[in-house]
N, C-alpha and C. Protein backbone atom coordinates (compact mmCIF):
# COMPACT_ATOMS: atom_id res chain seq x y z
N MET A 1 34.34 -148.67 73.25
CA MET A 1 33.89 -148.43 74.59
C MET A 1 35.06 -148.07 75.50
N MET A 2 36.22 -148.71 75.30
CA MET A 2 37.38 -148.39 76.12
C MET A 2 37.84 -146.96 75.88
N VAL A 3 37.70 -146.48 74.65
CA VAL A 3 38.08 -145.11 74.34
C VAL A 3 37.23 -144.14 75.13
N LEU A 4 35.93 -144.41 75.22
CA LEU A 4 35.04 -143.55 75.98
C LEU A 4 35.43 -143.52 77.45
N CYS A 5 35.78 -144.67 78.00
CA CYS A 5 36.21 -144.72 79.39
C CYS A 5 37.49 -143.93 79.58
N PHE A 6 38.40 -144.07 78.66
CA PHE A 6 39.66 -143.33 78.74
C PHE A 6 39.41 -141.84 78.70
N LEU A 7 38.57 -141.40 77.76
CA LEU A 7 38.28 -139.98 77.66
C LEU A 7 37.61 -139.45 78.92
N SER A 8 36.71 -140.23 79.48
CA SER A 8 36.01 -139.75 80.67
C SER A 8 36.96 -139.62 81.85
N ARG A 9 38.00 -140.42 81.89
CA ARG A 9 38.97 -140.30 82.97
C ARG A 9 39.96 -139.19 82.70
N ALA A 10 40.33 -139.01 81.45
CA ALA A 10 41.37 -138.06 81.10
C ALA A 10 40.86 -136.63 81.08
N LEU A 11 39.61 -136.44 80.70
CA LEU A 11 39.08 -135.10 80.56
C LEU A 11 37.89 -134.92 81.49
N PRO A 12 37.79 -133.76 82.10
CA PRO A 12 36.69 -133.54 83.05
C PRO A 12 35.35 -133.46 82.35
N ARG A 13 34.30 -133.57 83.15
CA ARG A 13 32.96 -133.40 82.62
C ARG A 13 32.82 -132.00 82.07
N VAL A 14 31.95 -131.85 81.11
CA VAL A 14 31.77 -130.55 80.47
C VAL A 14 30.45 -129.95 80.87
N ARG A 15 30.41 -128.64 80.86
CA ARG A 15 29.15 -127.94 81.09
C ARG A 15 28.61 -127.54 79.74
N HIS A 16 27.40 -127.94 79.46
CA HIS A 16 26.78 -127.70 78.16
C HIS A 16 26.03 -126.38 78.16
N SER A 17 26.10 -125.70 77.04
CA SER A 17 25.34 -124.47 76.85
C SER A 17 24.05 -124.81 76.13
N PRO A 18 22.98 -124.08 76.38
CA PRO A 18 21.74 -124.35 75.66
C PRO A 18 21.92 -124.10 74.17
N SER A 19 21.23 -124.86 73.38
CA SER A 19 21.32 -124.73 71.94
C SER A 19 19.92 -124.74 71.32
N PRO A 20 19.67 -123.86 70.37
CA PRO A 20 18.36 -123.86 69.72
C PRO A 20 18.06 -125.20 69.05
N LEU A 21 19.09 -125.87 68.52
CA LEU A 21 18.86 -127.15 67.85
C LEU A 21 18.57 -128.27 68.85
N GLY A 22 19.07 -128.14 70.06
CA GLY A 22 18.96 -129.24 70.99
C GLY A 22 18.14 -128.95 72.23
N ARG A 23 17.33 -127.94 72.20
CA ARG A 23 16.60 -127.52 73.40
C ARG A 23 15.60 -128.54 73.89
N GLN A 24 14.84 -129.13 72.98
CA GLN A 24 13.76 -130.01 73.40
C GLN A 24 14.28 -131.43 73.58
N VAL A 25 14.31 -131.87 74.83
CA VAL A 25 14.73 -133.23 75.13
C VAL A 25 13.55 -133.91 75.81
N SER A 26 12.92 -134.81 75.09
CA SER A 26 11.77 -135.52 75.64
C SER A 26 12.12 -136.99 75.78
N SER A 27 11.21 -137.75 76.35
CA SER A 27 11.47 -139.18 76.51
C SER A 27 11.65 -139.85 75.16
N ALA A 28 10.97 -139.35 74.13
CA ALA A 28 11.11 -139.93 72.80
C ALA A 28 12.48 -139.67 72.21
N SER A 29 13.14 -138.60 72.65
CA SER A 29 14.42 -138.25 72.07
C SER A 29 15.59 -138.90 72.78
N ARG A 30 15.34 -139.64 73.84
CA ARG A 30 16.44 -140.26 74.58
C ARG A 30 17.21 -141.25 73.74
N ASN A 31 16.59 -141.83 72.72
CA ASN A 31 17.27 -142.78 71.86
C ASN A 31 18.01 -142.10 70.71
N LYS A 32 17.86 -140.81 70.61
CA LYS A 32 18.52 -140.09 69.52
C LYS A 32 20.01 -139.97 69.81
N PRO A 33 20.83 -139.99 68.75
CA PRO A 33 22.26 -139.76 68.93
C PRO A 33 22.51 -138.34 69.47
N VAL A 34 23.60 -138.18 70.19
CA VAL A 34 23.98 -136.89 70.74
C VAL A 34 25.16 -136.35 69.94
N LEU A 35 24.96 -135.19 69.34
CA LEU A 35 26.02 -134.50 68.62
C LEU A 35 26.53 -133.39 69.53
N THR A 36 27.79 -133.48 69.91
CA THR A 36 28.39 -132.48 70.79
C THR A 36 29.22 -131.53 69.93
N LEU A 37 28.94 -130.24 70.10
CA LEU A 37 29.67 -129.19 69.39
C LEU A 37 30.57 -128.47 70.39
N PHE A 38 31.87 -128.57 70.20
CA PHE A 38 32.82 -127.83 71.01
C PHE A 38 33.02 -126.47 70.35
N THR A 39 32.75 -125.41 71.10
CA THR A 39 32.67 -124.08 70.52
C THR A 39 33.18 -123.03 71.50
N LYS A 40 33.20 -121.80 71.09
CA LYS A 40 33.44 -120.64 71.94
C LYS A 40 32.82 -119.45 71.23
N LYS A 41 32.75 -118.33 71.93
CA LYS A 41 32.16 -117.13 71.31
C LYS A 41 33.24 -116.09 71.12
N PRO A 42 33.30 -115.45 69.99
CA PRO A 42 32.50 -115.72 68.79
C PRO A 42 33.09 -116.89 68.00
N CYS A 43 32.25 -117.51 67.21
CA CYS A 43 32.69 -118.61 66.35
C CYS A 43 31.82 -118.64 65.09
N PRO A 44 32.17 -117.84 64.10
CA PRO A 44 31.39 -117.82 62.85
C PRO A 44 31.31 -119.18 62.17
N LEU A 45 32.38 -119.97 62.24
CA LEU A 45 32.33 -121.30 61.63
C LEU A 45 31.34 -122.21 62.36
N CYS A 46 31.21 -122.01 63.67
CA CYS A 46 30.23 -122.79 64.45
C CYS A 46 28.81 -122.42 64.03
N ASP A 47 28.58 -121.12 63.86
CA ASP A 47 27.26 -120.66 63.42
C ASP A 47 26.93 -121.23 62.04
N GLU A 48 27.91 -121.22 61.16
CA GLU A 48 27.72 -121.78 59.82
C GLU A 48 27.42 -123.28 59.90
N ALA A 49 28.15 -123.98 60.74
CA ALA A 49 27.95 -125.43 60.89
C ALA A 49 26.54 -125.73 61.40
N LYS A 50 26.05 -124.94 62.36
CA LYS A 50 24.69 -125.17 62.88
C LYS A 50 23.64 -124.93 61.80
N GLU A 51 23.89 -123.98 60.92
CA GLU A 51 22.96 -123.75 59.81
C GLU A 51 22.94 -124.96 58.87
N VAL A 52 24.10 -125.52 58.59
CA VAL A 52 24.19 -126.69 57.71
C VAL A 52 23.46 -127.88 58.34
N LEU A 53 23.51 -128.00 59.66
CA LEU A 53 22.89 -129.12 60.36
C LEU A 53 21.40 -128.94 60.62
N GLU A 54 20.89 -127.75 60.42
CA GLU A 54 19.49 -127.43 60.71
C GLU A 54 18.49 -128.45 60.13
N PRO A 55 18.64 -128.88 58.86
CA PRO A 55 17.67 -129.84 58.31
C PRO A 55 17.65 -131.20 59.02
N TYR A 56 18.67 -131.50 59.80
CA TYR A 56 18.79 -132.80 60.48
C TYR A 56 18.40 -132.73 61.95
N LYS A 57 17.98 -131.57 62.44
CA LYS A 57 17.83 -131.33 63.87
C LYS A 57 16.87 -132.27 64.58
N ARG A 58 15.93 -132.86 63.88
CA ARG A 58 14.98 -133.79 64.51
C ARG A 58 15.58 -135.18 64.70
N ARG A 59 16.76 -135.40 64.14
CA ARG A 59 17.36 -136.73 64.18
C ARG A 59 18.45 -136.87 65.24
N PHE A 60 18.78 -135.79 65.94
CA PHE A 60 19.83 -135.86 66.95
C PHE A 60 19.59 -134.81 68.02
N ILE A 61 20.30 -134.94 69.11
CA ILE A 61 20.29 -133.95 70.19
C ILE A 61 21.61 -133.21 70.10
N LEU A 62 21.56 -131.89 70.01
CA LEU A 62 22.78 -131.08 69.95
C LEU A 62 23.12 -130.57 71.34
N GLN A 63 24.35 -130.80 71.75
CA GLN A 63 24.86 -130.25 73.01
C GLN A 63 26.07 -129.40 72.66
N GLU A 64 26.05 -128.17 73.11
CA GLU A 64 27.18 -127.28 72.87
C GLU A 64 28.04 -127.20 74.12
N VAL A 65 29.34 -127.26 73.92
CA VAL A 65 30.29 -127.16 75.01
C VAL A 65 31.15 -125.93 74.76
N ASP A 66 31.03 -124.97 75.65
CA ASP A 66 31.83 -123.75 75.57
C ASP A 66 33.21 -124.07 76.16
N ILE A 67 34.21 -124.18 75.31
CA ILE A 67 35.53 -124.59 75.77
C ILE A 67 36.24 -123.50 76.58
N THR A 68 35.68 -122.29 76.61
CA THR A 68 36.32 -121.21 77.38
C THR A 68 35.91 -121.20 78.85
N LEU A 69 34.93 -122.00 79.23
CA LEU A 69 34.53 -122.08 80.63
C LEU A 69 35.64 -122.77 81.43
N PRO A 70 35.91 -122.31 82.64
CA PRO A 70 37.00 -122.90 83.43
C PRO A 70 36.91 -124.42 83.59
N GLU A 71 35.70 -124.94 83.75
CA GLU A 71 35.55 -126.39 83.94
C GLU A 71 35.81 -127.19 82.66
N ASN A 72 35.93 -126.50 81.53
CA ASN A 72 36.19 -127.16 80.25
C ASN A 72 37.61 -126.89 79.75
N SER A 73 38.52 -126.57 80.66
CA SER A 73 39.87 -126.17 80.25
C SER A 73 40.62 -127.29 79.50
N ALA A 74 40.34 -128.54 79.83
CA ALA A 74 40.99 -129.64 79.12
C ALA A 74 40.55 -129.67 77.66
N TRP A 75 39.26 -129.38 77.42
CA TRP A 75 38.77 -129.32 76.04
C TRP A 75 39.36 -128.10 75.33
N TYR A 76 39.53 -127.01 76.05
CA TYR A 76 40.15 -125.82 75.48
C TYR A 76 41.58 -126.14 75.03
N ASP A 77 42.34 -126.79 75.89
CA ASP A 77 43.71 -127.16 75.53
C ASP A 77 43.75 -128.05 74.30
N LYS A 78 42.78 -128.92 74.19
CA LYS A 78 42.76 -129.87 73.07
C LYS A 78 42.26 -129.25 71.76
N TYR A 79 41.25 -128.36 71.85
CA TYR A 79 40.56 -127.90 70.63
C TYR A 79 40.65 -126.40 70.36
N LYS A 80 41.44 -125.65 71.09
CA LYS A 80 41.43 -124.18 70.95
C LYS A 80 41.71 -123.69 69.53
N TYR A 81 42.43 -124.45 68.74
CA TYR A 81 42.73 -124.03 67.36
C TYR A 81 41.89 -124.76 66.32
N ASP A 82 40.94 -125.56 66.75
CA ASP A 82 40.23 -126.44 65.81
C ASP A 82 38.72 -126.26 65.77
N ILE A 83 38.14 -125.38 66.57
CA ILE A 83 36.68 -125.30 66.59
C ILE A 83 36.13 -124.80 65.25
N PRO A 84 34.96 -125.25 64.89
CA PRO A 84 34.13 -126.20 65.62
C PRO A 84 34.65 -127.63 65.52
N VAL A 85 34.44 -128.37 66.60
CA VAL A 85 34.76 -129.79 66.65
C VAL A 85 33.48 -130.50 67.05
N PHE A 86 33.22 -131.64 66.40
CA PHE A 86 32.01 -132.41 66.66
C PHE A 86 32.35 -133.82 67.12
N HIS A 87 31.65 -134.26 68.16
CA HIS A 87 31.67 -135.65 68.58
C HIS A 87 30.26 -136.18 68.41
N LEU A 88 30.14 -137.40 67.95
CA LEU A 88 28.83 -138.04 67.82
C LEU A 88 28.80 -139.21 68.79
N ASN A 89 27.89 -139.14 69.76
CA ASN A 89 27.81 -140.14 70.84
C ASN A 89 29.16 -140.36 71.51
N GLY A 90 29.87 -139.26 71.75
CA GLY A 90 31.12 -139.33 72.50
C GLY A 90 32.36 -139.64 71.70
N LYS A 91 32.21 -139.86 70.40
CA LYS A 91 33.36 -140.17 69.56
C LYS A 91 33.62 -139.02 68.59
N PHE A 92 34.90 -138.70 68.40
CA PHE A 92 35.25 -137.65 67.46
C PHE A 92 34.64 -137.94 66.09
N LEU A 93 34.05 -136.91 65.48
CA LEU A 93 33.45 -137.07 64.16
C LEU A 93 34.12 -136.18 63.12
N MET A 94 34.26 -134.87 63.41
CA MET A 94 34.81 -133.95 62.41
C MET A 94 35.19 -132.63 63.08
N LYS A 95 35.95 -131.82 62.35
CA LYS A 95 36.32 -130.50 62.86
C LYS A 95 36.40 -129.51 61.72
N HIS A 96 36.39 -128.23 62.07
CA HIS A 96 36.49 -127.07 61.19
C HIS A 96 35.22 -126.81 60.39
N ARG A 97 34.76 -127.75 59.62
CA ARG A 97 33.54 -127.60 58.82
C ARG A 97 32.76 -128.91 58.85
N VAL A 98 31.48 -128.82 58.58
CA VAL A 98 30.64 -130.02 58.55
C VAL A 98 30.91 -130.78 57.25
N ASN A 99 31.28 -132.03 57.41
CA ASN A 99 31.38 -132.95 56.29
C ASN A 99 30.04 -133.67 56.26
N ILE A 100 29.13 -133.17 55.43
CA ILE A 100 27.75 -133.64 55.47
C ILE A 100 27.63 -135.12 55.12
N GLN A 101 28.46 -135.61 54.20
CA GLN A 101 28.40 -137.03 53.84
C GLN A 101 28.82 -137.90 55.02
N LYS A 102 29.90 -137.53 55.67
CA LYS A 102 30.37 -138.28 56.84
C LYS A 102 29.32 -138.22 57.96
N PHE A 103 28.75 -137.05 58.18
CA PHE A 103 27.73 -136.89 59.20
C PHE A 103 26.53 -137.77 58.91
N GLU A 104 26.02 -137.71 57.67
CA GLU A 104 24.86 -138.53 57.29
C GLU A 104 25.15 -140.01 57.45
N ASP A 105 26.32 -140.45 57.01
CA ASP A 105 26.68 -141.87 57.11
C ASP A 105 26.71 -142.34 58.56
N GLN A 106 27.36 -141.57 59.43
CA GLN A 106 27.47 -141.97 60.83
C GLN A 106 26.13 -141.88 61.56
N LEU A 107 25.35 -140.85 61.24
CA LEU A 107 24.04 -140.69 61.85
C LEU A 107 23.14 -141.86 61.46
N ARG A 108 23.14 -142.21 60.20
CA ARG A 108 22.31 -143.32 59.72
C ARG A 108 22.74 -144.64 60.36
N LYS A 109 24.04 -144.83 60.49
CA LYS A 109 24.56 -146.04 61.12
C LYS A 109 24.05 -146.16 62.56
N LEU A 110 24.08 -145.06 63.30
CA LEU A 110 23.58 -145.08 64.67
C LEU A 110 22.07 -145.30 64.72
N GLU A 111 21.35 -144.71 63.78
CA GLU A 111 19.90 -144.90 63.72
C GLU A 111 19.56 -146.37 63.45
N LEU A 112 20.28 -146.99 62.55
CA LEU A 112 20.04 -148.40 62.24
C LEU A 112 20.36 -149.28 63.45
N GLN A 113 21.43 -148.96 64.17
CA GLN A 113 21.78 -149.72 65.38
C GLN A 113 20.67 -149.57 66.42
N SER A 114 20.15 -148.36 66.56
CA SER A 114 19.09 -148.09 67.53
C SER A 114 17.82 -148.84 67.17
N GLU A 115 17.49 -148.87 65.88
CA GLU A 115 16.31 -149.61 65.43
C GLU A 115 16.46 -151.09 65.68
N GLY A 116 17.66 -151.61 65.49
CA GLY A 116 17.92 -153.03 65.71
C GLY A 116 17.84 -153.43 67.17
N ASN A 117 18.05 -152.48 68.07
CA ASN A 117 18.02 -152.75 69.51
C ASN A 117 16.63 -152.63 70.11
N GLN A 118 15.65 -152.24 69.33
CA GLN A 118 14.30 -152.06 69.88
C GLN A 118 13.46 -153.30 69.74
């Protein structure tokens, strides 16, 4: 939790771009984990990563952050050579390519925590 506070102070808020995977946000999806994709255009590796994640799209909310937007310059400085970069619920998860095993493990862990809190 302290890391999240530190990041929120150190880096400005981001403007999210619409994403086909994350478009529908309903009250039922508020408990879903948020997968943040730091990207820019063009980004063939980002497109490939979204295809790999397609089968999981009902289990998380995807938010895309265009690091080239002026308000996201801190993210650009941090990730300009590493996209795609993924954060899961605000914590760094992976970069360059989707590590499906790591993604599944962390997603399941968050789902189990969410079930335990209900």
